[in-house]
Amino acid sequence: MSLVSCSHKIVESGKASYYADKFDGRQTSNGEIFKQRKKTAAHRTLPFGTKVTVKNLSNGRTVKVRINDRGPFVKGRMIDLSKKAAKKLDMVNAGVADVEIKYKGGSIK
């Protein structure tokens, strides 16, 4: 029996929002202290530590973030970003943006 293992990119699209300032300094689901000045994000299912590239579909801007929390818990949202990440995507004024996220998937056997 042989196993072939390779990583592949997975792409999801949906709505992104960002954390309110009141969450700065609070503990995330993985035990870290949340900081608005870091490029981190919350996703419902991705493993903690997953590196994700987020692209704002309205302007093409991208940012790389690390998943360190669970959420978002608002219907129709796919990912919650730190304010630093939201600024990189130029979505702070809008509050919500249509985005595409890319990340490496697991092994294919």
PDB file of N, CA and C in Angstrom:
ATOM      1  N   MET A   1       0.845  -1.176   0.000  1.00  0.00           N
ATOM      2  CA  MET A   1       0.000   0.000   0.000  1.00  0.00           C
ATOM      3  C   MET A   1       0.885   1.232   0.000  1.00  0.00           C
ATOM      4  N   SER A   2       0.552   2.189  -0.830  1.00  0.00           N
ATOM      5  CA  SER A   2       1.335   3.427  -0.864  1.00  0.00           C
ATOM      6  C   SER A   2       0.414   4.613  -0.636  1.00  0.00           C
ATOM      7  N   LEU A   3       0.987   5.627  -0.055  1.00  0.00           N
ATOM      8  CA  LEU A   3       0.243   6.859   0.202  1.00  0.00           C
ATOM      9  C   LEU A   3       0.858   7.981  -0.600  1.00  0.00           C
ATOM     10  N   VAL A   4       0.034   8.747  -1.227  1.00  0.00           N
ATOM     11  CA  VAL A   4       0.495   9.943  -1.916  1.00  0.00           C
ATOM     12  C   VAL A   4      -0.029  11.121  -1.117  1.00  0.00           C
ATOM     13  N   SER A   5       0.883  11.966  -0.696  1.00  0.00           N
ATOM     14  CA  SER A   5       0.486  13.107   0.122  1.00  0.00           C
ATOM     15  C   SER A   5       0.883  14.387  -0.583  1.00  0.00           C
ATOM     16  N   CYS A   6      -0.051  15.271  -0.710  1.00  0.00           N
ATOM     17  CA  CYS A   6       0.269  16.569  -1.287  1.00  0.00           C
ATOM     18  C   CYS A   6      -0.665  17.612  -0.697  1.00  0.00           C
ATOM     19  N   SER A   7      -0.170  18.805  -0.632  1.00  0.00           N
ATOM     20  CA  SER A   7      -1.006  19.899  -0.149  1.00  0.00           C
ATOM     21  C   SER A   7      -1.689  20.548  -1.334  1.00  0.00           C
ATOM     22  N   HIS A   8      -2.890  21.001  -1.124  1.00  0.00           N
ATOM     23  CA  HIS A   8      -3.616  21.695  -2.178  1.00  0.00           C
ATOM     24  C   HIS A   8      -4.264  22.931  -1.582  1.00  0.00           C
ATOM     25  N   LYS A   9      -4.467  23.909  -2.427  1.00  0.00           N
ATOM     26  CA  LYS A   9      -5.094  25.149  -1.971  1.00  0.00           C
ATOM     27  C   LYS A   9      -6.605  24.983  -1.972  1.00  0.00           C
ATOM     28  N   ILE A  10      -7.207  25.459  -0.906  1.00  0.00           N
ATOM     29  CA  ILE A  10      -8.660  25.462  -0.795  1.00  0.00           C
ATOM     30  C   ILE A  10      -9.116  26.912  -0.838  1.00  0.00           C
ATOM     31  N   VAL A  11     -10.181  27.169  -1.567  1.00  0.00           N
ATOM     32  CA  VAL A  11     -10.705  28.523  -1.713  1.00  0.00           C
ATOM     33  C   VAL A  11     -12.154  28.544  -1.224  1.00  0.00           C
ATOM     34  N   GLU A  12     -12.466  29.531  -0.399  1.00  0.00           N
ATOM     35  CA  GLU A  12     -13.843  29.768   0.052  1.00  0.00           C
ATOM     36  C   GLU A  12     -14.171  31.227  -0.236  1.00  0.00           C
ATOM     37  N   SER A  13     -15.421  31.518  -0.454  1.00  0.00           N
ATOM     38  CA  SER A  13     -15.815  32.919  -0.598  1.00  0.00           C
ATOM     39  C   SER A  13     -17.033  33.181   0.272  1.00  0.00           C
ATOM     40  N   GLY A  14     -17.113  34.416   0.760  1.00  0.00           N
ATOM     41  CA  GLY A  14     -18.202  34.800   1.640  1.00  0.00           C
ATOM     42  C   GLY A  14     -17.981  36.198   2.181  1.00  0.00           C
ATOM     43  N   LYS A  15     -18.621  36.498   3.294  1.00  0.00           N
ATOM     44  CA  LYS A  15     -18.545  37.836   3.899  1.00  0.00           C
ATOM     45  C   LYS A  15     -17.545  37.846   5.048  1.00  0.00           C
ATOM     46  N   ALA A  16     -16.772  38.919   5.102  1.00  0.00           N
ATOM     47  CA  ALA A  16     -15.848  39.152   6.216  1.00  0.00           C
ATOM     48  C   ALA A  16     -16.312  40.371   6.986  1.00  0.00           C
ATOM     49  N   SER A  17     -16.094  40.322   8.282  1.00  0.00           N
ATOM     50  CA  SER A  17     -16.311  41.481   9.146  1.00  0.00           C
ATOM     51  C   SER A  17     -15.072  41.591  10.022  1.00  0.00           C
ATOM     52  N   TYR A  18     -15.071  42.562  10.933  1.00  0.00           N
ATOM     53  CA  TYR A  18     -13.916  42.658  11.823  1.00  0.00           C
ATOM     54  C   TYR A  18     -14.372  42.919  13.246  1.00  0.00           C
ATOM     55  N   TYR A  19     -13.474  42.601  14.174  1.00  0.00           N
ATOM     56  CA  TYR A  19     -13.769  42.706  15.600  1.00  0.00           C
ATOM     57  C   TYR A  19     -13.982  44.155  16.033  1.00  0.00           C
ATOM     58  N   ALA A  20     -14.933  44.354  16.919  1.00  0.00           N
ATOM     59  CA  ALA A  20     -15.120  45.656  17.571  1.00  0.00           C
ATOM     60  C   ALA A  20     -13.968  45.871  18.552  1.00  0.00           C
ATOM     61  N   ASP A  21     -13.658  47.128  18.824  1.00  0.00           N
ATOM     62  CA  ASP A  21     -12.549  47.450  19.724  1.00  0.00           C
ATOM     63  C   ASP A  21     -12.717  46.863  21.121  1.00  0.00           C
ATOM     64  N   LYS A  22     -13.948  46.621  21.558  1.00  0.00           N
ATOM     65  CA  LYS A  22     -14.176  46.104  22.914  1.00  0.00           C
ATOM     66  C   LYS A  22     -13.571  44.712  23.124  1.00  0.00           C
ATOM     67  N   PHE A  23     -13.231  44.011  22.037  1.00  0.00           N
ATOM     68  CA  PHE A  23     -12.637  42.679  22.160  1.00  0.00           C
ATOM     69  C   PHE A  23     -11.122  42.713  22.342  1.00  0.00           C
ATOM     70  N   ASP A  24     -10.497  43.870  22.123  1.00  0.00           N
ATOM     71  CA  ASP A  24      -9.048  43.992  22.288  1.00  0.00           C
ATOM     72  C   ASP A  24      -8.682  43.666  23.735  1.00  0.00           C
ATOM     73  N   GLY A  25      -7.739  42.756  23.912  1.00  0.00           N
ATOM     74  CA  GLY A  25      -7.306  42.368  25.250  1.00  0.00           C
ATOM     75  C   GLY A  25      -8.056  41.186  25.837  1.00  0.00           C
ATOM     76  N   ARG A  26      -9.091  40.716  25.169  1.00  0.00           N
ATOM     77  CA  ARG A  26      -9.835  39.548  25.659  1.00  0.00           C
ATOM     78  C   ARG A  26      -9.183  38.258  25.166  1.00  0.00           C
ATOM     79  N   GLN A  27      -9.492  37.181  25.836  1.00  0.00           N
ATOM     80  CA  GLN A  27      -8.934  35.885  25.473  1.00  0.00           C
ATOM     81  C   GLN A  27      -9.677  35.296  24.273  1.00  0.00           C
ATOM     82  N   THR A  28      -8.908  34.734  23.340  1.00  0.00           N
ATOM     83  CA  THR A  28      -9.495  34.066  22.177  1.00  0.00           C
ATOM     84  C   THR A  28      -9.769  32.600  22.521  1.00  0.00           C
ATOM     85  N   SER A  29     -10.400  31.898  21.616  1.00  0.00           N
ATOM     86  CA  SER A  29     -10.742  30.490  21.836  1.00  0.00           C
ATOM     87  C   SER A  29      -9.526  29.585  21.993  1.00  0.00           C
ATOM     88  N   ASN A  30      -8.389  29.995  21.429  1.00  0.00           N
ATOM     89  CA  ASN A  30      -7.191  29.164  21.586  1.00  0.00           C
ATOM     90  C   ASN A  30      -6.348  29.586  22.793  1.00  0.00           C
ATOM     91  N   GLY A  31      -6.844  30.541  23.587  1.00  0.00           N
ATOM     92  CA  GLY A  31      -6.157  30.938  24.809  1.00  0.00           C
ATOM     93  C   GLY A  31      -5.277  32.168  24.690  1.00  0.00           C
ATOM     94  N   GLU A  32      -5.069  32.666  23.473  1.00  0.00           N
ATOM     95  CA  GLU A  32      -4.264  33.880  23.284  1.00  0.00           C
ATOM     96  C   GLU A  32      -5.060  35.106  23.722  1.00  0.00           C
ATOM     97  N   ILE A  33      -4.345  36.187  23.942  1.00  0.00           N
ATOM     98  CA  ILE A  33      -4.990  37.475  24.173  1.00  0.00           C
ATOM     99  C   ILE A  33      -5.153  38.143  22.813  1.00  0.00           C
ATOM    100  N   PHE A  34      -6.382  38.532  22.480  1.00  0.00           N
ATOM    101  CA  PHE A  34      -6.653  39.171  21.192  1.00  0.00           C
ATOM    102  C   PHE A  34      -6.073  40.575  21.162  1.00  0.00           C
ATOM    103  N   LYS A  35      -5.424  40.896  20.033  1.00  0.00           N
ATOM    104  CA  LYS A  35      -4.844  42.224  19.831  1.00  0.00           C
ATOM    105  C   LYS A  35      -5.250  42.722  18.452  1.00  0.00           C
ATOM    106  N   GLN A  36      -5.895  43.878  18.417  1.00  0.00           N
ATOM    107  CA  GLN A  36      -6.330  44.477  17.149  1.00  0.00           C
ATOM    108  C   GLN A  36      -5.146  44.764  16.227  1.00  0.00           C
ATOM    109  N   ARG A  37      -3.966  44.976  16.787  1.00  0.00           N
ATOM    110  CA  ARG A  37      -2.800  45.346  15.978  1.00  0.00           C
ATOM    111  C   ARG A  37      -2.093  44.149  15.326  1.00  0.00           C
ATOM    112  N   LYS A  38      -2.582  42.957  15.566  1.00  0.00           N
ATOM    113  CA  LYS A  38      -2.019  41.750  14.947  1.00  0.00           C
ATOM    114  C   LYS A  38      -2.894  41.330  13.771  1.00  0.00           C
ATOM    115  N   LYS A  39      -2.311  40.592  12.839  1.00  0.00           N
ATOM    116  CA  LYS A  39      -3.070  40.098  11.686  1.00  0.00           C
ATOM    117  C   LYS A  39      -3.582  38.688  11.996  1.00  0.00           C
ATOM    118  N   THR A  40      -4.736  38.653  12.685  1.00  0.00           N
ATOM    119  CA  THR A  40      -5.346  37.385  13.073  1.00  0.00           C
ATOM    120  C   THR A  40      -6.815  37.382  12.665  1.00  0.00           C
ATOM    121  N   ALA A  41      -7.440  36.205  12.815  1.00  0.00           N
ATOM    122  CA  ALA A  41      -8.840  36.076  12.400  1.00  0.00           C
ATOM    123  C   ALA A  41      -9.525  34.934  13.134  1.00  0.00           C
ATOM    124  N   ALA A  42     -10.851  34.969  13.085  1.00  0.00           N
ATOM    125  CA  ALA A  42     -11.687  33.894  13.614  1.00  0.00           C
ATOM    126  C   ALA A  42     -12.379  33.190  12.454  1.00  0.00           C
ATOM    127  N   HIS A  43     -12.421  31.870  12.528  1.00  0.00           N
ATOM    128  CA  HIS A  43     -13.119  31.046  11.541  1.00  0.00           C
ATOM    129  C   HIS A  43     -13.797  29.922  12.317  1.00  0.00           C
ATOM    130  N   ARG A  44     -14.931  29.466  11.839  1.00  0.00           N
ATOM    131  CA  ARG A  44     -15.687  28.452  12.584  1.00  0.00           C
ATOM    132  C   ARG A  44     -15.001  27.093  12.651  1.00  0.00           C
ATOM    133  N   THR A  45     -14.295  26.696  11.590  1.00  0.00           N
ATOM    134  CA  THR A  45     -13.802  25.314  11.530  1.00  0.00           C
ATOM    135  C   THR A  45     -12.313  25.137  11.278  1.00  0.00           C
ATOM    136  N   LEU A  46     -11.636  26.122  10.732  1.00  0.00           N
ATOM    137  CA  LEU A  46     -10.215  25.937  10.428  1.00  0.00           C
ATOM    138  C   LEU A  46      -9.409  25.734  11.706  1.00  0.00           C
ATOM    139  N   PRO A  47      -8.409  24.863  11.669  1.00  0.00           N
ATOM    140  CA  PRO A  47      -7.576  24.647  12.856  1.00  0.00           C
ATOM    141  C   PRO A  47      -6.846  25.928  13.267  1.00  0.00           C
ATOM    142  N   PHE A  48      -6.671  26.094  14.576  1.00  0.00           N
ATOM    143  CA  PHE A  48      -5.890  27.223  15.071  1.00  0.00           C
ATOM    144  C   PHE A  48      -4.493  27.155  14.466  1.00  0.00           C
ATOM    145  N   GLY A  49      -3.970  28.313  14.102  1.00  0.00           N
ATOM    146  CA  GLY A  49      -2.644  28.389  13.502  1.00  0.00           C
ATOM    147  C   GLY A  49      -2.648  28.356  11.990  1.00  0.00           C
ATOM    148  N   THR A  50      -3.784  28.020  11.381  1.00  0.00           N
ATOM    149  CA  THR A  50      -3.860  27.993   9.917  1.00  0.00           C
ATOM    150  C   THR A  50      -3.586  29.384   9.368  1.00  0.00           C
ATOM    151  N   LYS A  51      -2.717  29.451   8.360  1.00  0.00           N
ATOM    152  CA  LYS A  51      -2.416  30.712   7.683  1.00  0.00           C
ATOM    153  C   LYS A  51      -3.372  30.838   6.500  1.00  0.00           C
ATOM    154  N   VAL A  52      -4.041  31.977   6.424  1.00  0.00           N
ATOM    155  CA  VAL A  52      -5.074  32.209   5.416  1.00  0.00           C
ATOM    156  C   VAL A  52      -4.772  33.506   4.674  1.00  0.00           C
ATOM    157  N   THR A  53      -4.887  33.493   3.358  1.00  0.00           N
ATOM    158  CA  THR A  53      -4.814  34.715   2.565  1.00  0.00           C
ATOM    159  C   THR A  53      -6.242  35.158   2.285  1.00  0.00           C
ATOM    160  N   VAL A  54      -6.543  36.396   2.658  1.00  0.00           N
ATOM    161  CA  VAL A  54      -7.886  36.955   2.480  1.00  0.00           C
ATOM    162  C   VAL A  54      -7.813  38.028   1.397  1.00  0.00           C
ATOM    163  N   LYS A  55      -8.706  37.949   0.423  1.00  0.00           N
ATOM    164  CA  LYS A  55      -8.747  38.925  -0.673  1.00  0.00           C
ATOM    165  C   LYS A  55     -10.090  39.635  -0.672  1.00  0.00           C
ATOM    166  N   ASN A  56     -10.054  40.969  -0.639  1.00  0.00           N
ATOM    167  CA  ASN A  56     -11.261  41.784  -0.757  1.00  0.00           C
ATOM    168  C   ASN A  56     -11.648  41.784  -2.235  1.00  0.00           C
ATOM    169  N   LEU A  57     -12.801  41.223  -2.550  1.00  0.00           N
ATOM    170  CA  LEU A  57     -13.195  41.081  -3.952  1.00  0.00           C
ATOM    171  C   LEU A  57     -13.576  42.400  -4.613  1.00  0.00           C
ATOM    172  N   SER A  58     -13.863  43.437  -3.831  1.00  0.00           N
ATOM    173  CA  SER A  58     -14.241  44.715  -4.443  1.00  0.00           C
ATOM    174  C   SER A  58     -13.041  45.556  -4.860  1.00  0.00           C
ATOM    175  N   ASN A  59     -11.872  45.338  -4.230  1.00  0.00           N
ATOM    176  CA  ASN A  59     -10.712  46.163  -4.587  1.00  0.00           C
ATOM    177  C   ASN A  59      -9.434  45.363  -4.853  1.00  0.00           C
ATOM    178  N   GLY A  60      -9.470  44.063  -4.684  1.00  0.00           N
ATOM    179  CA  GLY A  60      -8.320  43.216  -4.975  1.00  0.00           C
ATOM    180  C   GLY A  60      -7.238  43.179  -3.905  1.00  0.00           C
ATOM    181  N   ARG A  61      -7.394  43.940  -2.832  1.00  0.00           N
ATOM    182  CA  ARG A  61      -6.377  43.949  -1.769  1.00  0.00           C
ATOM    183  C   ARG A  61      -6.371  42.618  -1.027  1.00  0.00           C
ATOM    184  N   THR A  62      -5.171  42.212  -0.580  1.00  0.00           N
ATOM    185  CA  THR A  62      -5.034  40.958   0.153  1.00  0.00           C
ATOM    186  C   THR A  62      -4.280  41.171   1.462  1.00  0.00           C
ATOM    187  N   VAL A  63      -4.485  40.236   2.383  1.00  0.00           N
ATOM    188  CA  VAL A  63      -3.757  40.221   3.652  1.00  0.00           C
ATOM    189  C   VAL A  63      -3.637  38.763   4.090  1.00  0.00           C
ATOM    190  N   LYS A  64      -2.512  38.438   4.730  1.00  0.00           N
ATOM    191  CA  LYS A  64      -2.330  37.107   5.304  1.00  0.00           C
ATOM    192  C   LYS A  64      -2.608  37.183   6.793  1.00  0.00           C
ATOM    193  N   VAL A  65      -3.439  36.268   7.283  1.00  0.00           N
ATOM    194  CA  VAL A  65      -3.803  36.235   8.700  1.00  0.00           C
ATOM    195  C   VAL A  65      -3.595  34.819   9.244  1.00  0.00           C
ATOM    196  N   ARG A  66      -3.566  34.736  10.564  1.00  0.00           N
ATOM    197  CA  ARG A  66      -3.467  33.452  11.262  1.00  0.00           C
ATOM    198  C   ARG A  66      -4.747  33.249  12.067  1.00  0.00           C
ATOM    199  N   ILE A  67      -5.334  32.061  11.953  1.00  0.00           N
ATOM    200  CA  ILE A  67      -6.565  31.759  12.686  1.00  0.00           C
ATOM    201  C   ILE A  67      -6.225  31.486  14.153  1.00  0.00           C
ATOM    202  N   ASN A  68      -6.849  32.270  15.059  1.00  0.00           N
ATOM    203  CA  ASN A  68      -6.609  32.076  16.492  1.00  0.00           C
ATOM    204  C   ASN A  68      -7.895  32.136  17.315  1.00  0.00           C
ATOM    205  N   ASP A  69      -9.056  32.125  16.651  1.00  0.00           N
ATOM    206  CA  ASP A  69     -10.313  32.238  17.385  1.00  0.00           C
ATOM    207  C   ASP A  69     -11.430  31.551  16.606  1.00  0.00           C
ATOM    208  N   ARG A  70     -12.555  31.341  17.258  1.00  0.00           N
ATOM    209  CA  ARG A  70     -13.745  30.777  16.630  1.00  0.00           C
ATOM    210  C   ARG A  70     -14.757  31.879  16.365  1.00  0.00           C
ATOM    211  N   GLY A  71     -15.508  31.716  15.309  1.00  0.00           N
ATOM    212  CA  GLY A  71     -16.491  32.694  14.899  1.00  0.00           C
ATOM    213  C   GLY A  71     -16.404  32.841  13.393  1.00  0.00           C
ATOM    214  N   PRO A  72     -17.061  33.782  12.820  1.00  0.00           N
ATOM    215  CA  PRO A  72     -17.994  34.720  13.433  1.00  0.00           C
ATOM    216  C   PRO A  72     -19.316  34.029  13.767  1.00  0.00           C
ATOM    217  N   PHE A  73     -20.061  34.657  14.658  1.00  0.00           N
ATOM    218  CA  PHE A  73     -21.332  34.103  15.092  1.00  0.00           C
ATOM    219  C   PHE A  73     -22.511  34.924  14.587  1.00  0.00           C
ATOM    220  N   VAL A  74     -22.275  35.685  13.523  1.00  0.00           N
ATOM    221  CA  VAL A  74     -23.330  36.442  12.848  1.00  0.00           C
ATOM    222  C   VAL A  74     -23.675  35.677  11.573  1.00  0.00           C
ATOM    223  N   LYS A  75     -24.944  35.403  11.376  1.00  0.00           N
ATOM    224  CA  LYS A  75     -25.384  34.645  10.206  1.00  0.00           C
ATOM    225  C   LYS A  75     -24.890  35.309   8.919  1.00  0.00           C
ATOM    226  N   GLY A  76     -24.381  34.480   8.008  1.00  0.00           N
ATOM    227  CA  GLY A  76     -23.935  34.970   6.715  1.00  0.00           C
ATOM    228  C   GLY A  76     -22.490  35.432   6.670  1.00  0.00           C
ATOM    229  N   ARG A  77     -21.798  35.413   7.789  1.00  0.00           N
ATOM    230  CA  ARG A  77     -20.385  35.819   7.820  1.00  0.00           C
ATOM    231  C   ARG A  77     -19.497  34.584   7.851  1.00  0.00           C
ATOM    232  N   MET A  78     -18.357  34.675   7.173  1.00  0.00           N
ATOM    233  CA  MET A  78     -17.443  33.545   7.068  1.00  0.00           C
ATOM    234  C   MET A  78     -16.210  33.705   7.942  1.00  0.00           C
ATOM    235  N   ILE A  79     -15.720  34.943   8.089  1.00  0.00           N
ATOM    236  CA  ILE A  79     -14.476  35.181   8.810  1.00  0.00           C
ATOM    237  C   ILE A  79     -14.554  36.541   9.498  1.00  0.00           C
ATOM    238  N   ASP A  80     -14.007  36.604  10.711  1.00  0.00           N
ATOM    239  CA  ASP A  80     -13.872  37.863  11.451  1.00  0.00           C
ATOM    240  C   ASP A  80     -12.395  38.210  11.503  1.00  0.00           C
ATOM    241  N   LEU A  81     -12.064  39.421  11.148  1.00  0.00           N
ATOM    242  CA  LEU A  81     -10.671  39.860  11.077  1.00  0.00           C
ATOM    243  C   LEU A  81     -10.332  40.838  12.190  1.00  0.00           C
ATOM    244  N   SER A  82      -9.054  40.897  12.532  1.00  0.00           N
ATOM    245  CA  SER A  82      -8.584  41.964  13.416  1.00  0.00           C
ATOM    246  C   SER A  82      -8.676  43.281  12.651  1.00  0.00           C
ATOM    247  N   LYS A  83      -8.647  44.385  13.379  1.00  0.00           N
ATOM    248  CA  LYS A  83      -8.739  45.688  12.715  1.00  0.00           C
ATOM    249  C   LYS A  83      -7.544  45.926  11.798  1.00  0.00           C
ATOM    250  N   LYS A  84      -6.345  45.460  12.199  1.00  0.00           N
ATOM    251  CA  LYS A  84      -5.168  45.634  11.339  1.00  0.00           C
ATOM    252  C   LYS A  84      -5.395  44.944   9.996  1.00  0.00           C
ATOM    253  N   ALA A  85      -5.920  43.733  10.021  1.00  0.00           N
ATOM    254  CA  ALA A  85      -6.191  43.010   8.776  1.00  0.00           C
ATOM    255  C   ALA A  85      -7.275  43.710   7.964  1.00  0.00           C
ATOM    256  N   ALA A  86      -8.315  44.190   8.635  1.00  0.00           N
ATOM    257  CA  ALA A  86      -9.401  44.904   7.944  1.00  0.00           C
ATOM    258  C   ALA A  86      -8.883  46.173   7.275  1.00  0.00           C
ATOM    259  N   LYS A  87      -7.961  46.870   7.936  1.00  0.00           N
ATOM    260  CA  LYS A  87      -7.373  48.076   7.334  1.00  0.00           C
ATOM    261  C   LYS A  87      -6.591  47.725   6.080  1.00  0.00           C
ATOM    262  N   LYS A  88      -5.845  46.620   6.111  1.00  0.00           N
ATOM    263  CA  LYS A  88      -5.079  46.198   4.926  1.00  0.00           C
ATOM    264  C   LYS A  88      -6.012  45.927   3.744  1.00  0.00           C
ATOM    265  N   LEU A  89      -7.225  45.471   4.039  1.00  0.00           N
ATOM    266  CA  LEU A  89      -8.205  45.198   2.981  1.00  0.00           C
ATOM    267  C   LEU A  89      -9.038  46.419   2.617  1.00  0.00           C
ATOM    268  N   ASP A  90      -8.827  47.528   3.325  1.00  0.00           N
ATOM    269  CA  ASP A  90      -9.583  48.771   3.120  1.00  0.00           C
ATOM    270  C   ASP A  90     -11.091  48.532   3.253  1.00  0.00           C
ATOM    271  N   MET A  91     -11.466  47.872   4.369  1.00  0.00           N
ATOM    272  CA  MET A  91     -12.883  47.567   4.591  1.00  0.00           C
ATOM    273  C   MET A  91     -13.411  48.106   5.915  1.00  0.00           C
ATOM    274  N   VAL A  92     -12.616  48.914   6.615  1.00  0.00           N
ATOM    275  CA  VAL A  92     -13.029  49.401   7.934  1.00  0.00           C
ATOM    276  C   VAL A  92     -14.279  50.265   7.834  1.00  0.00           C
ATOM    277  N   ASN A  93     -14.330  51.182   6.896  1.00  0.00           N
ATOM    278  CA  ASN A  93     -15.506  52.058   6.773  1.00  0.00           C
ATOM    279  C   ASN A  93     -16.763  51.281   6.407  1.00  0.00           C
ATOM    280  N   ALA A  94     -16.626  50.303   5.535  1.00  0.00           N
ATOM    281  CA  ALA A  94     -17.782  49.503   5.114  1.00  0.00           C
ATOM    282  C   ALA A  94     -18.230  48.544   6.221  1.00  0.00           C
ATOM    283  N   GLY A  95     -17.281  48.037   6.994  1.00  0.00           N
ATOM    284  CA  GLY A  95     -17.597  47.117   8.082  1.00  0.00           C
ATOM    285  C   GLY A  95     -17.693  45.663   7.670  1.00  0.00           C
ATOM    286  N   VAL A  96     -18.172  45.413   6.471  1.00  0.00           N
ATOM    287  CA  VAL A  96     -18.318  44.058   5.933  1.00  0.00           C
ATOM    288  C   VAL A  96     -17.857  44.092   4.484  1.00  0.00           C
ATOM    289  N   ALA A  97     -17.214  43.012   4.039  1.00  0.00           N
ATOM    290  CA  ALA A  97     -16.754  42.944   2.650  1.00  0.00           C
ATOM    291  C   ALA A  97     -16.931  41.530   2.113  1.00  0.00           C
ATOM    292  N   ASP A  98     -17.152  41.446   0.810  1.00  0.00           N
ATOM    293  CA  ASP A  98     -17.142  40.151   0.132  1.00  0.00           C
ATOM    294  C   ASP A  98     -15.686  39.773  -0.071  1.00  0.00           C
ATOM    295  N   VAL A  99     -15.311  38.582   0.405  1.00  0.00           N
ATOM    296  CA  VAL A  99     -13.920  38.159   0.340  1.00  0.00           C
ATOM    297  C   VAL A  99     -13.808  36.739  -0.183  1.00  0.00           C
ATOM    298  N   GLU A 100     -12.577  36.425  -0.549  1.00  0.00           N
ATOM    299  CA  GLU A 100     -12.189  35.070  -0.907  1.00  0.00           C
ATOM    300  C   GLU A 100     -11.053  34.713   0.032  1.00  0.00           C
ATOM    301  N   ILE A 101     -11.097  33.524   0.623  1.00  0.00           N
ATOM    302  CA  ILE A 101      -9.979  33.089   1.454  1.00  0.00           C
ATOM    303  C   ILE A 101      -9.341  31.860   0.825  1.00  0.00           C
ATOM    304  N   LYS A 102      -8.011  31.793   0.934  1.00  0.00           N
ATOM    305  CA  LYS A 102      -7.250  30.654   0.414  1.00  0.00           C
ATOM    306  C   LYS A 102      -6.355  30.140   1.529  1.00  0.00           C
ATOM    307  N   TYR A 103      -6.257  28.821   1.602  1.00  0.00           N
ATOM    308  CA  TYR A 103      -5.386  28.195   2.588  1.00  0.00           C
ATOM    309  C   TYR A 103      -5.013  26.807   2.093  1.00  0.00           C
ATOM    310  N   LYS A 104      -3.949  26.262   2.664  1.00  0.00           N
ATOM    311  CA  LYS A 104      -3.511  24.923   2.285  1.00  0.00           C
ATOM    312  C   LYS A 104      -4.410  23.897   2.935  1.00  0.00           C
ATOM    313  N   GLY A 105      -4.823  22.932   2.122  1.00  0.00           N
ATOM    314  CA  GLY A 105      -5.638  21.846   2.640  1.00  0.00           C
ATOM    315  C   GLY A 105      -4.767  20.733   3.177  1.00  0.00           C
ATOM    316  N   GLY A 106      -5.391  19.725   3.709  1.00  0.00           N
ATOM    317  CA  GLY A 106      -4.670  18.585   4.261  1.00  0.00           C
ATOM    318  C   GLY A 106      -4.162  17.670   3.169  1.00  0.00           C
ATOM    319  N   SER A 107      -3.650  16.554   3.590  1.00  0.00           N
ATOM    320  CA  SER A 107      -3.099  15.577   2.658  1.00  0.00           C
ATOM    321  C   SER A 107      -4.209  14.837   1.925  1.00  0.00           C
ATOM    322  N   ILE A 108      -3.922  14.468   0.704  1.00  0.00           N
ATOM    323  CA  ILE A 108      -4.820  13.630  -0.093  1.00  0.00           C
ATOM    324  C   ILE A 108      -4.227  12.232  -0.087  1.00  0.00           C
ATOM    325  N   LYS A 109      -5.016  11.247   0.278  1.00  0.00           N
ATOM    326  CA  LYS A 109      -4.498   9.869   0.376  1.00  0.00           C
ATOM    327  C   LYS A 109      -5.119   9.007  -0.684  1.00  0.00           C
TER     328      LYS A 109
END
